Protein backbone atom coordinates (compact mmCIF):
# COMPACT_ATOMS: atom_id res chain seq x y z
CA UNK A 1 119.08 148.05 253.27
CA UNK A 2 115.59 147.47 251.82
CA UNK A 3 113.58 150.53 253.83
CA UNK A 4 116.82 152.59 253.33
CA UNK A 5 116.09 151.60 249.41
CA UNK A 6 112.46 152.52 249.58
CA UNK A 7 112.30 155.15 251.75
CA UNK A 8 114.97 157.27 250.60
CA UNK A 9 115.37 156.13 246.84
CA UNK A 10 111.39 155.20 246.22
CA UNK A 11 112.89 151.77 244.77
CA UNK A 12 110.28 150.05 243.24
CA UNK A 13 112.17 146.82 243.22
CA UNK A 14 115.43 145.20 245.13
CA UNK A 15 117.45 142.96 243.93
CA UNK A 16 120.06 140.24 245.05
CA UNK A 17 122.05 137.80 243.63
CA UNK A 18 123.05 134.69 245.35
CA UNK A 19 125.89 131.94 244.59
CA UNK A 20 124.46 128.45 244.66
CA UNK A 21 126.68 127.14 247.16
CA UNK A 22 125.33 129.59 249.57
CA UNK A 23 122.71 127.46 250.72
CA UNK A 24 121.79 129.55 253.69
CA UNK A 25 121.26 132.93 251.45
CA UNK A 26 119.16 130.85 248.71
CA UNK A 27 116.95 129.68 251.88
CA UNK A 28 116.68 133.12 253.39
CA UNK A 29 116.00 135.42 250.57
CA UNK A 30 112.82 133.55 249.39
CA UNK A 31 111.60 134.08 253.30
CA UNK A 32 112.10 137.89 252.86
CA UNK A 33 109.84 137.99 249.61
CA UNK A 34 112.53 137.61 247.19
CA UNK A 35 111.64 135.82 243.91
CA UNK A 36 113.55 134.02 241.73
CA UNK A 37 114.19 135.21 237.92
CA UNK A 38 117.05 134.68 236.52
CA UNK A 39 120.29 132.10 236.44
CA UNK A 40 123.70 133.55 235.11
CA UNK A 41 126.64 130.97 234.73
CA UNK A 42 129.88 131.90 236.27
CA UNK A 43 133.22 130.70 236.42
CA UNK A 44 134.63 129.87 240.23
CA UNK A 45 138.50 131.01 240.60
CA UNK A 46 139.40 127.24 239.95
CA UNK A 47 137.76 127.57 236.76
CA UNK A 48 134.33 125.58 238.13
CA UNK A 49 130.94 126.49 236.74
CA UNK A 50 128.72 127.86 239.58
CA UNK A 51 125.29 129.54 239.21
CA UNK A 52 124.39 133.11 240.06
CA UNK A 53 120.72 133.06 241.08
CA UNK A 54 119.41 136.78 241.01
CA UNK A 55 116.35 137.62 242.68
CA UNK A 56 113.83 140.24 243.07
CA UNK A 57 111.40 141.99 245.65
CA UNK A 58 108.68 144.01 244.32
CA UNK A 59 107.40 147.37 246.18
CA UNK A 60 104.55 145.50 247.62
CA UNK A 61 106.70 142.64 248.90
């Protein structure tokens, strides 16, 4: 998907969002070059607080 975004749409950045309970994603995305840049508070279906971590990959990444 990253290659498609860059090749067909000339994307300069690719963003992903990952919830705090998704440990596998939080560990994988930095290995692919993604850098966290923001955290949003959200509510889970049960009303508990969760964090949505936003990450981006620069064009030179």
